Protein backbone atom coordinates (compact mmCIF):
# COMPACT_ATOMS: atom_id res chain seq x y z
CA ASN A 1 -19.54 5.24 28.09
CA GLY A 2 -19.49 1.94 26.22
CA ASP A 3 -23.18 1.04 26.53
CA THR A 4 -23.53 0.99 22.70
CA LYS A 5 -26.05 3.88 22.83
CA ASN A 6 -24.83 7.15 21.35
CA ASP A 7 -21.20 6.05 21.66
CA VAL A 8 -20.35 7.38 18.19
CA PHE A 9 -21.21 10.75 16.61
CA GLN A 10 -22.30 10.15 13.02
CA PRO A 11 -24.96 11.27 10.54
CA TYR A 12 -28.23 9.32 10.46
CA GLU A 13 -27.77 8.31 6.84
CA CYS A 14 -24.97 9.41 4.59
CA PRO A 15 -26.41 10.78 1.34
CA ALA A 16 -25.27 8.99 -1.80
CA PHE A 17 -24.34 12.29 -3.42
CA VAL A 18 -21.63 13.45 -1.00
CA GLN A 19 -18.55 14.19 -3.06
CA SER A 20 -16.26 15.12 -0.16
CA MET A 21 -16.43 16.13 3.48
CA GLU A 22 -14.13 17.62 6.09
CA PHE A 23 -15.37 17.25 9.69
CA THR A 24 -13.57 19.08 12.49
CA VAL A 25 -14.20 19.24 16.24
CA PHE A 26 -12.91 22.09 18.44
CA ASN A 27 -12.76 22.41 22.22
CA ARG A 28 -14.16 25.46 24.04
CA TRP A 29 -10.90 27.36 23.55
CA GLY A 30 -11.02 26.88 19.78
CA ALA A 31 -8.26 24.27 19.56
CA LYS A 32 -8.82 21.53 16.98
CA VAL A 33 -9.14 18.19 18.79
CA PHE A 34 -10.38 15.91 15.99
CA SER A 35 -10.74 15.91 12.22
CA THR A 36 -11.67 13.44 9.51
CA THR A 37 -12.63 13.26 5.87
CA ASP A 38 -14.72 10.09 6.41
CA VAL A 39 -18.29 10.87 5.24
CA ASN A 40 -19.61 8.64 8.06
CA ILE A 41 -17.67 10.73 10.64
CA ASN A 42 -17.68 7.99 13.35
CA TRP A 43 -16.28 10.27 16.07
CA ASN A 44 -16.03 8.39 19.37
CA GLY A 45 -15.08 11.29 21.66
CA LYS A 46 -11.34 10.84 21.23
CA THR A 47 -8.61 12.89 19.61
CA ASN A 48 -7.02 11.76 16.35
CA ALA A 49 -4.23 10.32 18.52
CA GLY A 50 -6.77 8.13 20.36
CA LYS A 51 -6.80 10.05 23.65
CA ASP A 52 -10.15 10.35 25.48
CA LEU A 53 -11.45 13.91 25.56
CA ALA A 54 -12.88 15.36 28.76
CA ALA A 55 -16.63 15.57 29.21
CA GLY A 56 -17.97 18.90 28.03
CA GLN A 57 -19.32 20.81 25.09
CA TYR A 58 -17.51 20.73 21.74
CA TYR A 59 -18.08 22.74 18.57
CA TYR A 60 -18.11 20.95 15.22
CA GLU A 61 -17.92 22.10 11.64
CA ALA A 62 -18.59 19.95 8.58
CA ARG A 63 -17.62 21.26 5.13
CA VAL A 64 -19.51 19.17 2.59
CA ARG A 65 -19.45 19.15 -1.20
CA PHE A 66 -22.33 17.39 -2.92
CA GLU A 67 -22.16 16.03 -6.44
CA SER A 68 -23.63 18.52 -8.85
CA ALA A 69 -24.18 19.17 -12.52
CA LYS A 70 -21.93 22.22 -12.09
CA ARG A 71 -18.23 21.81 -12.79
CA GLU A 72 -17.27 23.04 -9.31
CA SER A 73 -19.94 22.44 -6.65
CA GLU A 74 -20.41 24.91 -3.83
CA GLN A 75 -19.35 23.93 -0.34
CA THR A 76 -22.05 23.57 2.31
CA ILE A 77 -20.96 24.35 5.86
CA LEU A 78 -22.83 22.71 8.74
CA LYS A 79 -21.98 23.79 12.30
CA GLY A 80 -23.18 22.99 15.77
CA TRP A 81 -22.42 21.85 19.28
CA VAL A 82 -22.21 18.38 20.73
CA GLN A 83 -22.20 17.48 24.43
CA LEU A 84 -19.70 14.77 25.36
CA ILE A 85 -20.76 12.87 28.47
CA ARG A 86 -18.50 10.34 30.14
């Protein structure tokens, strides 16, 4: 709502050992409405095209690869819900 409090969805602190990340947001019908590979996410409640999304509940999925001593690190999948309030 522009009051500078919770206006952007992002992790508290981005770990230094994140190798790559894919963050995707879906609406309640399962349609992808936003995606980014930015480890800071910085989702402001808009689509990738810059259109404001309606207030409601959205599902997110983050596929993260952390740096590892292994040649090919395993992917960690974090999922959850976020409530968008306008």
